[in-house]
Amino acid sequence: MDPEAAIRDYLAALDVAAEPLDLERRAELVAEIREHIDLALGEAGGRDEATVREVLGRLGSPDEIVAAEIGATFAADGGRSASERTGEVHRRQLSIETHALIWLTVGAVVLPFIGPAIGLWVAAGSRRWTLTQKRTAVLVFLVLSAIPFMFLVPAAIAGEFMWIVGSAGFMLPFVPLCGIVAAAYLVASSTLRLTVSRKT
């Protein structure tokens, strides 16, 4: 069997076995094992079929990995029952990413410019989004925020206040759009990253 196909099949089986875990931890586990496989193959100095089989054999079956993960989670939770842990999950605060997306979307409507700026500040503390994703979201926000100012500032300097009040309404959608598009980019890029990591 093709060594790369064997790795893909192993990770796909791991993803299926990890279904009992929450979605975020499931994706993290698959990514961690993928990284471990790449590191082990790099140390072995080859990616031939025999080396891949040996590395995957040392890892154990996907079911064993998930069982160990669930066991570690259970131990960390002090042996509480599943219903108790589920109740705690429901009571747990929203994640950093969710807070950031709320500020970028709802905040963009309620507090134009300020809401998205807070959302991007919150997003800076996320471990799930990469530095490139965060910087691109900031760039999207700045570019879309600049569009209204490019029209309004010169008009204000020229004293065209009636034009601003009467005719500049077509620019109003750009105000909340700057945060909403940044949020859409973060969600779409994260989904694409997760899809690619599962396929590779």
C-alpha atoms as a PDB file:
ATOM      1  CA  MET A   1       0.000   0.000   0.000  1.00  0.00           C
ATOM      2  CA  ASP A   2       1.133   3.556  -0.681  1.00  0.00           C
ATOM      3  CA  PRO A   3       2.698   4.908   2.572  1.00  0.00           C
ATOM      4  CA  GLU A   4       0.894   8.262   2.297  1.00  0.00           C
ATOM      5  CA  ALA A   5      -2.424   6.455   1.744  1.00  0.00           C
ATOM      6  CA  ALA A   6      -1.733   4.383   4.863  1.00  0.00           C
ATOM      7  CA  ILE A   7      -1.213   7.562   6.893  1.00  0.00           C
ATOM      8  CA  ARG A   8      -4.402   9.111   5.501  1.00  0.00           C
ATOM      9  CA  ASP A   9      -6.394   5.957   6.283  1.00  0.00           C
ATOM     10  CA  TYR A  10      -4.974   5.877   9.815  1.00  0.00           C
ATOM     11  CA  LEU A  11      -5.880   9.530  10.471  1.00  0.00           C
ATOM     12  CA  ALA A  12      -9.344   9.029   8.967  1.00  0.00           C
ATOM     13  CA  ALA A  13      -9.901   6.041  11.278  1.00  0.00           C
ATOM     14  CA  LEU A  14      -8.682   8.158  14.204  1.00  0.00           C
ATOM     15  CA  ASP A  15     -11.133  10.929  13.287  1.00  0.00           C
ATOM     16  CA  VAL A  16     -14.002   8.415  13.275  1.00  0.00           C
ATOM     17  CA  ALA A  17     -12.878   6.838  16.563  1.00  0.00           C
ATOM     18  CA  ALA A  18     -12.607  10.292  18.172  1.00  0.00           C
ATOM     19  CA  GLU A  19     -16.290  11.041  17.571  1.00  0.00           C
ATOM     20  CA  PRO A  20     -17.104  10.887  21.339  1.00  0.00           C
ATOM     21  CA  LEU A  21     -14.771  13.863  21.920  1.00  0.00           C
ATOM     22  CA  ASP A  22     -15.944  17.422  21.417  1.00  0.00           C
ATOM     23  CA  LEU A  23     -15.322  18.789  17.915  1.00  0.00           C
ATOM     24  CA  GLU A  24     -12.440  21.093  18.848  1.00  0.00           C
ATOM     25  CA  ARG A  25     -10.528  18.434  20.827  1.00  0.00           C
ATOM     26  CA  ARG A  26     -11.205  15.884  18.078  1.00  0.00           C
ATOM     27  CA  ALA A  27      -9.573  18.135  15.467  1.00  0.00           C
ATOM     28  CA  GLU A  28      -6.679  18.903  17.837  1.00  0.00           C
ATOM     29  CA  LEU A  29      -6.063  15.201  18.501  1.00  0.00           C
ATOM     30  CA  VAL A  30      -5.937  14.336  14.790  1.00  0.00           C
ATOM     31  CA  ALA A  31      -3.572  17.279  14.162  1.00  0.00           C
ATOM     32  CA  GLU A  32      -1.333  16.237  17.088  1.00  0.00           C
ATOM     33  CA  ILE A  33      -1.084  12.646  15.855  1.00  0.00           C
ATOM     34  CA  ARG A  34      -0.373  13.853  12.304  1.00  0.00           C
ATOM     35  CA  GLU A  35       2.427  16.038  13.656  1.00  0.00           C
ATOM     36  CA  HIS A  36       3.781  13.129  15.732  1.00  0.00           C
ATOM     37  CA  ILE A  37       3.803  10.854  12.657  1.00  0.00           C
ATOM     38  CA  ASP A  38       5.651  13.472  10.559  1.00  0.00           C
ATOM     39  CA  LEU A  39       8.180  14.013  13.349  1.00  0.00           C
ATOM     40  CA  ALA A  40       8.764  10.264  13.809  1.00  0.00           C
ATOM     41  CA  LEU A  41       9.199   9.738  10.055  1.00  0.00           C
ATOM     42  CA  GLY A  42      11.608  12.668   9.917  1.00  0.00           C
ATOM     43  CA  GLU A  43      13.698  11.142  12.695  1.00  0.00           C
ATOM     44  CA  ALA A  44      13.583   7.751  10.943  1.00  0.00           C
ATOM     45  CA  GLY A  45      14.884   9.389   7.782  1.00  0.00           C
ATOM     46  CA  GLY A  46      12.349   7.902   5.380  1.00  0.00           C
ATOM     47  CA  ARG A  47       8.706   7.580   4.399  1.00  0.00           C
ATOM     48  CA  ASP A  48       8.785   4.120   2.853  1.00  0.00           C
ATOM     49  CA  GLU A  49       6.091   1.541   3.584  1.00  0.00           C
ATOM     50  CA  ALA A  50       8.097  -0.348   6.228  1.00  0.00           C
ATOM     51  CA  THR A  51       8.964   2.833   8.170  1.00  0.00           C
ATOM     52  CA  VAL A  52       5.366   4.072   8.051  1.00  0.00           C
ATOM     53  CA  ARG A  53       4.075   0.698   9.292  1.00  0.00           C
ATOM     54  CA  GLU A  54       6.575   0.751  12.160  1.00  0.00           C
ATOM     55  CA  VAL A  55       5.648   4.315  13.221  1.00  0.00           C
ATOM     56  CA  LEU A  56       1.901   3.596  13.072  1.00  0.00           C
ATOM     57  CA  GLY A  57       2.440   0.325  14.940  1.00  0.00           C
ATOM     58  CA  ARG A  58       4.226   2.143  17.763  1.00  0.00           C
ATOM     59  CA  LEU A  59       1.338   4.589  18.007  1.00  0.00           C
ATOM     60  CA  GLY A  60      -1.205   1.824  18.494  1.00  0.00           C
ATOM     61  CA  SER A  61      -4.667   1.634  17.000  1.00  0.00           C
ATOM     62  CA  PRO A  62      -6.878   4.750  16.714  1.00  0.00           C
ATOM     63  CA  ASP A  63      -9.271   3.193  19.241  1.00  0.00           C
ATOM     64  CA  GLU A  64      -6.439   2.848  21.768  1.00  0.00           C
ATOM     65  CA  ILE A  65      -5.407   6.482  21.288  1.00  0.00           C
ATOM     66  CA  VAL A  66      -8.979   7.709  21.806  1.00  0.00           C
ATOM     67  CA  ALA A  67      -9.454   5.426  24.824  1.00  0.00           C
ATOM     68  CA  ALA A  68      -6.292   6.884  26.386  1.00  0.00           C
ATOM     69  CA  GLU A  69      -7.519  10.410  25.633  1.00  0.00           C
ATOM     70  CA  ILE A  70     -10.934   9.752  27.181  1.00  0.00           C
ATOM     71  CA  GLY A  71      -9.279   8.115  30.182  1.00  0.00           C
ATOM     72  CA  ALA A  72      -7.007  11.116  30.704  1.00  0.00           C
ATOM     73  CA  THR A  73      -9.972  13.477  30.447  1.00  0.00           C
ATOM     74  CA  PHE A  74     -11.940  11.345  32.905  1.00  0.00           C
ATOM     75  CA  ALA A  75      -9.037  11.349  35.375  1.00  0.00           C
ATOM     76  CA  ALA A  76      -8.601  15.113  35.028  1.00  0.00           C
ATOM     77  CA  ASP A  77     -12.312  15.524  35.752  1.00  0.00           C
ATOM     78  CA  GLY A  78     -11.923  13.611  39.014  1.00  0.00           C
ATOM     79  CA  GLY A  79     -13.922  10.623  37.820  1.00  0.00           C
ATOM     80  CA  ARG A  80     -17.183  12.524  37.519  1.00  0.00           C
ATOM     81  CA  SER A  81     -20.017  10.972  35.599  1.00  0.00           C
ATOM     82  CA  ALA A  82     -20.712  11.846  31.975  1.00  0.00           C
ATOM     83  CA  SER A  83     -23.893  13.701  32.943  1.00  0.00           C
ATOM     84  CA  GLU A  84     -21.960  15.849  35.422  1.00  0.00           C
ATOM     85  CA  ARG A  85     -19.337  16.686  32.799  1.00  0.00           C
ATOM     86  CA  THR A  86     -22.056  17.448  30.239  1.00  0.00           C
ATOM     87  CA  GLY A  87     -23.732  19.812  32.709  1.00  0.00           C
ATOM     88  CA  GLU A  88     -20.424  21.579  33.232  1.00  0.00           C
ATOM     89  CA  VAL A  89     -19.909  21.957  29.475  1.00  0.00           C
ATOM     90  CA  HIS A  90     -23.289  23.692  29.220  1.00  0.00           C
ATOM     91  CA  ARG A  91     -22.329  26.028  32.069  1.00  0.00           C
ATOM     92  CA  ARG A  92     -18.860  26.720  30.655  1.00  0.00           C
ATOM     93  CA  GLN A  93     -18.229  30.195  29.341  1.00  0.00           C
ATOM     94  CA  LEU A  94     -18.134  30.847  25.633  1.00  0.00           C
ATOM     95  CA  SER A  95     -14.784  30.335  23.933  1.00  0.00           C
ATOM     96  CA  ILE A  96     -12.505  33.221  22.950  1.00  0.00           C
ATOM     97  CA  GLU A  97     -13.348  32.579  19.293  1.00  0.00           C
ATOM     98  CA  THR A  98     -17.096  32.813  19.951  1.00  0.00           C
ATOM     99  CA  HIS A  99     -16.668  36.057  21.911  1.00  0.00           C
ATOM    100  CA  ALA A 100     -14.590  37.509  19.079  1.00  0.00           C
ATOM    101  CA  LEU A 101     -17.154  36.539  16.420  1.00  0.00           C
ATOM    102  CA  ILE A 102     -19.997  38.077  18.453  1.00  0.00           C
ATOM    103  CA  TRP A 103     -18.103  41.363  18.747  1.00  0.00           C
ATOM    104  CA  LEU A 104     -17.230  41.304  15.041  1.00  0.00           C
ATOM    105  CA  THR A 105     -20.830  40.726  13.905  1.00  0.00           C
ATOM    106  CA  VAL A 106     -23.360  41.909  16.496  1.00  0.00           C
ATOM    107  CA  GLY A 107     -20.880  44.450  17.829  1.00  0.00           C
ATOM    108  CA  ALA A 108     -20.394  45.854  14.324  1.00  0.00           C
ATOM    109  CA  VAL A 109     -24.101  46.694  14.176  1.00  0.00           C
ATOM    110  CA  VAL A 110     -24.538  47.918  17.769  1.00  0.00           C
ATOM    111  CA  LEU A 111     -21.182  49.693  18.117  1.00  0.00           C
ATOM    112  CA  PRO A 112     -19.885  50.527  14.631  1.00  0.00           C
ATOM    113  CA  PHE A 113     -16.079  50.431  14.339  1.00  0.00           C
ATOM    114  CA  ILE A 114     -15.686  50.000  18.123  1.00  0.00           C
ATOM    115  CA  GLY A 115     -17.357  46.558  18.270  1.00  0.00           C
ATOM    116  CA  PRO A 116     -15.201  45.005  15.528  1.00  0.00           C
ATOM    117  CA  ALA A 117     -12.065  46.587  17.018  1.00  0.00           C
ATOM    118  CA  ILE A 118     -12.867  44.892  20.344  1.00  0.00           C
ATOM    119  CA  GLY A 119     -13.573  41.643  18.469  1.00  0.00           C
ATOM    120  CA  LEU A 120     -10.163  41.722  16.796  1.00  0.00           C
ATOM    121  CA  TRP A 121      -8.511  42.464  20.139  1.00  0.00           C
ATOM    122  CA  VAL A 122     -10.268  39.438  21.670  1.00  0.00           C
ATOM    123  CA  ALA A 123      -9.341  37.303  18.635  1.00  0.00           C
ATOM    124  CA  ALA A 124      -5.666  38.123  19.236  1.00  0.00           C
ATOM    125  CA  GLY A 125      -5.799  35.836  22.293  1.00  0.00           C
ATOM    126  CA  SER A 126      -7.065  32.834  20.303  1.00  0.00           C
ATOM    127  CA  ARG A 127      -4.872  29.745  19.990  1.00  0.00           C
ATOM    128  CA  ARG A 128      -7.118  28.259  17.326  1.00  0.00           C
ATOM    129  CA  TRP A 129      -6.551  31.009  14.763  1.00  0.00           C
ATOM    130  CA  THR A 130      -3.064  31.447  13.327  1.00  0.00           C
ATOM    131  CA  LEU A 131      -1.162  34.731  13.315  1.00  0.00           C
ATOM    132  CA  THR A 132      -1.719  34.974   9.548  1.00  0.00           C
ATOM    133  CA  GLN A 133      -5.479  34.574   9.994  1.00  0.00           C
ATOM    134  CA  LYS A 134      -5.557  37.268  12.693  1.00  0.00           C
ATOM    135  CA  ARG A 135      -3.487  39.709  10.620  1.00  0.00           C
ATOM    136  CA  THR A 136      -5.620  39.125   7.521  1.00  0.00           C
ATOM    137  CA  ALA A 137      -8.812  39.743   9.536  1.00  0.00           C
ATOM    138  CA  VAL A 138      -7.327  43.048  10.789  1.00  0.00           C
ATOM    139  CA  LEU A 139      -6.400  43.988   7.202  1.00  0.00           C
ATOM    140  CA  VAL A 140      -9.951  43.200   5.989  1.00  0.00           C
ATOM    141  CA  PHE A 141     -11.368  45.374   8.781  1.00  0.00           C
ATOM    142  CA  LEU A 142      -9.026  48.294   8.035  1.00  0.00           C
ATOM    143  CA  VAL A 143      -9.609  48.225   4.264  1.00  0.00           C
ATOM    144  CA  LEU A 144     -13.411  48.090   4.532  1.00  0.00           C
ATOM    145  CA  SER A 145     -13.409  50.702   7.303  1.00  0.00           C
ATOM    146  CA  ALA A 146     -11.326  53.035   5.143  1.00  0.00           C
ATOM    147  CA  ILE A 147     -13.797  53.028   2.240  1.00  0.00           C
ATOM    148  CA  PRO A 148     -16.403  55.319   3.896  1.00  0.00           C
ATOM    149  CA  PHE A 149     -13.672  57.675   5.141  1.00  0.00           C
ATOM    150  CA  MET A 150     -12.235  58.016   1.626  1.00  0.00           C
ATOM    151  CA  PHE A 151     -15.530  59.645   0.579  1.00  0.00           C
ATOM    152  CA  LEU A 152     -16.674  61.329   3.779  1.00  0.00           C
ATOM    153  CA  VAL A 153     -13.474  63.078   4.919  1.00  0.00           C
ATOM    154  CA  PRO A 154     -12.877  65.001   1.654  1.00  0.00           C
ATOM    155  CA  ALA A 155     -16.574  65.933   1.553  1.00  0.00           C
ATOM    156  CA  ALA A 156     -16.419  67.189   5.160  1.00  0.00           C
ATOM    157  CA  ILE A 157     -13.267  69.218   4.400  1.00  0.00           C
ATOM    158  CA  ALA A 158     -15.022  70.741   1.381  1.00  0.00           C
ATOM    159  CA  GLY A 159     -18.001  71.633   3.557  1.00  0.00           C
ATOM    160  CA  GLU A 160     -20.382  69.316   1.688  1.00  0.00           C
ATOM    161  CA  PHE A 161     -22.340  68.398   4.818  1.00  0.00           C
ATOM    162  CA  MET A 162     -25.671  68.276   3.009  1.00  0.00           C
ATOM    163  CA  TRP A 163     -24.222  65.747   0.546  1.00  0.00           C
ATOM    164  CA  ILE A 164     -22.968  63.646   3.469  1.00  0.00           C
ATOM    165  CA  VAL A 165     -26.396  63.672   5.111  1.00  0.00           C
ATOM    166  CA  GLY A 166     -28.439  63.267   1.921  1.00  0.00           C
ATOM    167  CA  SER A 167     -26.388  61.262  -0.559  1.00  0.00           C
ATOM    168  CA  ALA A 168     -23.780  59.307   1.386  1.00  0.00           C
ATOM    169  CA  GLY A 169     -26.293  56.751   2.643  1.00  0.00           C
ATOM    170  CA  PHE A 170     -25.032  54.153   0.151  1.00  0.00           C
ATOM    171  CA  MET A 171     -21.894  53.858   2.296  1.00  0.00           C
ATOM    172  CA  LEU A 172     -23.729  52.976   5.487  1.00  0.00           C
ATOM    173  CA  PRO A 173     -23.581  49.180   4.842  1.00  0.00           C
ATOM    174  CA  PHE A 174     -19.772  49.403   4.878  1.00  0.00           C
ATOM    175  CA  VAL A 175     -19.879  50.337   8.577  1.00  0.00           C
ATOM    176  CA  PRO A 176     -21.084  46.966   9.953  1.00  0.00           C
ATOM    177  CA  LEU A 177     -19.707  45.107   6.915  1.00  0.00           C
ATOM    178  CA  CYS A 178     -16.107  45.657   8.005  1.00  0.00           C
ATOM    179  CA  GLY A 179     -16.594  43.438  11.074  1.00  0.00           C
ATOM    180  CA  ILE A 180     -18.939  40.918   9.482  1.00  0.00           C
ATOM    181  CA  VAL A 181     -16.588  40.199   6.560  1.00  0.00           C
ATOM    182  CA  ALA A 182     -13.630  39.826   8.969  1.00  0.00           C
ATOM    183  CA  ALA A 183     -15.665  37.317  11.015  1.00  0.00           C
ATOM    184  CA  ALA A 184     -16.696  35.443   7.859  1.00  0.00           C
ATOM    185  CA  TYR A 185     -13.042  35.211   6.815  1.00  0.00           C
ATOM    186  CA  LEU A 186     -11.992  33.759  10.189  1.00  0.00           C
ATOM    187  CA  VAL A 187     -14.754  31.139  10.086  1.00  0.00           C
ATOM    188  CA  ALA A 188     -14.164  30.202   6.434  1.00  0.00           C
ATOM    189  CA  SER A 189     -10.375  29.990   6.755  1.00  0.00           C
ATOM    190  CA  SER A 190     -10.653  27.842   9.905  1.00  0.00           C
ATOM    191  CA  THR A 191     -13.101  25.485   8.183  1.00  0.00           C
ATOM    192  CA  LEU A 192     -10.818  25.227   5.149  1.00  0.00           C
ATOM    193  CA  ARG A 193      -7.788  24.555   7.366  1.00  0.00           C
ATOM    194  CA  LEU A 194      -9.627  21.784   9.210  1.00  0.00           C
ATOM    195  CA  THR A 195     -10.801  20.216   5.941  1.00  0.00           C
ATOM    196  CA  VAL A 196      -7.291  20.282   4.459  1.00  0.00           C
ATOM    197  CA  SER A 197      -5.725  18.832   7.638  1.00  0.00           C
ATOM    198  CA  ARG A 198      -8.195  15.933   7.522  1.00  0.00           C
ATOM    199  CA  LYS A 199      -7.466  15.203   3.856  1.00  0.00           C
ATOM    200  CA  THR A 200      -3.667  15.328   4.223  1.00  0.00           C
END
